[in-house]
Amino acid sequence: MTTSSHEKAFTQLNNKPIVKQKFIKHNTPKKRKCGIGVKKCKRCGRNGAGRNGAHISMYNLGLCRQCFRDIALIIGFKKFN
């Protein structure tokens, strides 16, 4: 389950409030304090740095590598060969 998909089942559970409370109790994602799940891309919401360090937190950017490639020239980074 992704970080926001637990809310998709609410449409069917709105008629059963007790079952909905139990579902919310057991299926909401944990609040993370450390680890891969804490780092989220500010632009697209991908979470995790992965093995390759695919999350760029230097200069307080907080972007994944895909979003960084898209906007690197706009925010002033130059490509060197």
Protein backbone atom coordinates (compact mmCIF):
# COMPACT_ATOMS: atom_id res chain seq x y z
CA MET A 1 0.00 0.00 0.00
CA THR A 2 1.33 3.42 -0.85
CA THR A 3 1.35 6.30 1.58
CA SER A 4 -2.02 7.65 0.49
CA SER A 5 -3.91 4.68 -0.96
CA HIS A 6 -5.46 3.58 2.36
CA GLU A 7 -8.06 6.34 1.90
CA LYS A 8 -9.35 4.89 -1.38
CA ALA A 9 -11.39 2.23 0.40
CA PHE A 10 -13.38 4.81 2.39
CA THR A 11 -16.11 5.04 -0.24
CA GLN A 12 -17.23 1.48 0.47
CA LEU A 13 -16.70 1.70 4.22
CA ASN A 14 -18.71 4.90 4.80
CA ASN A 15 -21.84 2.78 5.36
CA LYS A 16 -20.11 0.72 8.09
CA PRO A 17 -18.57 3.11 10.66
CA ILE A 18 -17.28 0.43 13.05
CA VAL A 19 -15.52 -1.46 10.26
CA LYS A 20 -14.13 1.85 8.97
CA GLN A 21 -12.61 2.70 12.37
CA LYS A 22 -10.93 -0.71 12.53
CA PHE A 23 -9.67 -0.31 8.96
CA ILE A 24 -8.18 3.11 9.76
CA LYS A 25 -6.53 1.76 12.93
CA HIS A 26 -4.74 -1.07 11.14
CA ASN A 27 -4.06 0.38 7.67
CA THR A 28 -2.85 3.95 8.11
CA PRO A 29 0.85 4.29 7.35
CA LYS A 30 3.24 4.82 10.25
CA LYS A 31 4.61 8.25 11.03
CA ARG A 32 8.29 7.89 10.19
CA LYS A 33 11.03 9.57 12.22
CA CYS A 34 14.07 8.18 10.45
CA GLY A 35 14.99 6.04 7.48
CA ILE A 36 14.11 5.96 3.81
CA GLY A 37 10.40 6.73 4.29
CA VAL A 38 11.11 10.16 5.76
CA LYS A 39 12.73 11.58 2.64
CA LYS A 40 10.09 12.59 0.12
CA CYS A 41 10.49 14.54 -3.07
CA LYS A 42 9.02 18.02 -2.70
CA ARG A 43 7.90 18.03 -6.32
CA CYS A 44 6.42 14.60 -7.11
CA GLY A 45 6.19 12.87 -3.72
CA ARG A 46 8.39 9.84 -4.40
CA ASN A 47 9.73 8.57 -1.13
CA GLY A 48 13.00 6.94 -0.28
CA ALA A 49 16.58 7.46 -1.23
CA GLY A 50 17.19 3.93 -2.40
CA ARG A 51 20.57 2.30 -2.73
CA ASN A 52 21.90 4.72 -5.29
CA GLY A 53 21.20 7.85 -3.30
CA ALA A 54 18.47 8.91 -5.68
CA HIS A 55 17.27 11.68 -3.35
CA ILE A 56 19.15 14.97 -3.57
CA SER A 57 19.01 16.70 -0.22
CA MET A 58 22.12 18.80 -0.74
CA TYR A 59 21.50 22.58 -0.79
CA ASN A 60 18.16 21.84 0.92
CA LEU A 61 16.63 20.75 -2.43
CA GLY A 62 14.75 17.63 -1.31
CA LEU A 63 14.21 16.34 -4.86
CA CYS A 64 14.42 12.90 -6.39
CA ARG A 65 16.90 12.45 -9.21
CA GLN A 66 14.19 12.45 -11.91
CA CYS A 67 12.76 15.80 -10.82
CA PHE A 68 16.24 17.23 -10.38
CA ARG A 69 17.07 16.37 -13.99
CA ASP A 70 13.89 18.11 -15.16
CA ILE A 71 14.49 21.40 -13.36
CA ALA A 72 18.29 21.53 -12.94
CA LEU A 73 18.80 24.12 -15.67
CA ILE A 74 15.92 26.24 -14.41
CA ILE A 75 17.30 26.49 -10.87
CA GLY A 76 20.81 27.31 -12.09
CA PHE A 77 22.81 24.08 -12.30
CA LYS A 78 25.03 23.53 -15.32
CA LYS A 79 25.87 20.23 -16.95
CA PHE A 80 29.58 19.47 -17.16
CA ASN A 81 31.01 16.73 -19.40
